[in-house]
Amino acid sequence: MLHHVGIVCRAPAASPDADGDGIADTAPPTDKAQCRYGGWANFNNPSFRNQGKCVSYVTGGEGTRRPPHPPIKKGTT
């Protein structure tokens, strides 16, 4: 069994319910450390299925805040 002494995982302070689900929204994670040790489960705007999805969001991977790349035009010269 692993014991993590002195590590507290909390989501940032709650904000209004912008998505209308009846639960006050948390601010999105801004650091990988907020996703570790179950911290990923404390977020609801966006919410994450697991720690990896949360870390990917923070580091700019899948499901990020960044806008998508423009579409590639095929067949143009």
Protein backbone atom coordinates (compact mmCIF):
# COMPACT_ATOMS: atom_id res chain seq x y z
CA MET A 1 0.00 0.00 0.00
CA LEU A 2 1.30 3.43 -0.91
CA HIS A 3 1.04 6.30 1.52
CA HIS A 4 1.37 9.86 0.31
CA VAL A 5 2.17 12.00 3.31
CA GLY A 6 1.58 15.72 3.15
CA ILE A 7 0.00 15.77 -0.32
CA VAL A 8 -3.33 17.50 -0.58
CA CYS A 9 -5.25 17.35 -3.87
CA ARG A 10 -7.93 19.95 -4.22
CA ALA A 11 -9.61 21.53 -7.19
CA PRO A 12 -9.49 25.32 -7.38
CA ALA A 13 -12.30 27.29 -5.74
CA ALA A 14 -15.76 26.80 -7.18
CA SER A 15 -17.38 29.31 -9.50
CA PRO A 16 -20.98 29.73 -10.72
CA ASP A 17 -22.75 26.93 -12.56
CA ALA A 18 -22.06 28.06 -16.15
CA ASP A 19 -22.93 24.69 -17.72
CA GLY A 20 -26.29 24.41 -15.93
CA ASP A 21 -25.75 20.95 -14.43
CA GLY A 22 -26.67 22.06 -10.90
CA ILE A 23 -23.10 21.75 -9.60
CA ALA A 24 -20.81 24.77 -9.11
CA ASP A 25 -18.04 24.68 -11.71
CA THR A 26 -14.40 24.29 -10.78
CA ALA A 27 -11.69 26.20 -12.59
CA PRO A 28 -9.82 23.97 -15.06
CA PRO A 29 -6.47 22.52 -13.96
CA THR A 30 -3.41 24.64 -14.70
CA ASP A 31 -0.66 22.29 -13.54
CA LYS A 32 0.01 18.54 -13.87
CA ALA A 33 0.31 18.25 -10.09
CA GLN A 34 -3.38 19.12 -9.74
CA CYS A 35 -4.23 15.96 -11.71
CA ARG A 36 -2.19 13.55 -9.60
CA TYR A 37 -3.29 11.38 -6.66
CA GLY A 38 -6.96 11.48 -7.64
CA GLY A 39 -7.04 15.25 -8.17
CA TRP A 40 -8.33 14.72 -11.71
CA ALA A 41 -11.67 13.57 -10.27
CA ASN A 42 -12.23 16.94 -8.55
CA PHE A 43 -12.68 18.87 -11.80
CA ASN A 44 -16.03 19.30 -13.54
CA ASN A 45 -15.40 22.05 -16.12
CA PRO A 46 -13.99 20.18 -17.93
CA SER A 47 -14.27 16.79 -16.27
CA PHE A 48 -11.81 13.95 -16.95
CA ARG A 49 -12.13 10.17 -17.22
CA ASN A 50 -8.69 9.56 -15.71
CA GLN A 51 -5.40 11.17 -14.67
CA GLY A 52 -3.91 10.88 -18.15
CA LYS A 53 -6.74 12.88 -19.75
CA CYS A 54 -6.29 15.60 -17.13
CA VAL A 55 -2.51 15.78 -17.63
CA SER A 56 -2.99 15.86 -21.42
CA TYR A 57 -5.35 18.81 -21.05
CA VAL A 58 -2.82 20.75 -18.98
CA THR A 59 0.16 19.97 -21.21
CA GLY A 60 -1.60 20.81 -24.46
CA GLY A 61 -2.45 17.33 -25.64
CA GLU A 62 -5.87 15.81 -26.24
CA GLY A 63 -8.84 18.00 -25.34
CA THR A 64 -6.85 21.15 -24.76
CA ARG A 65 -7.86 24.76 -24.47
CA ARG A 66 -5.86 25.58 -27.62
CA PRO A 67 -7.79 26.15 -30.85
CA PRO A 68 -7.61 23.33 -33.40
CA HIS A 69 -5.24 23.45 -36.35
CA PRO A 70 -6.76 24.79 -39.57
CA PRO A 71 -7.87 22.08 -41.99
CA ILE A 72 -5.34 20.86 -44.55
CA LYS A 73 -6.46 21.51 -48.12
CA LYS A 74 -5.77 18.52 -50.31
CA GLY A 75 -5.31 18.65 -54.05
CA THR A 76 -4.42 22.33 -54.32
CA THR A 77 -1.25 23.44 -56.08
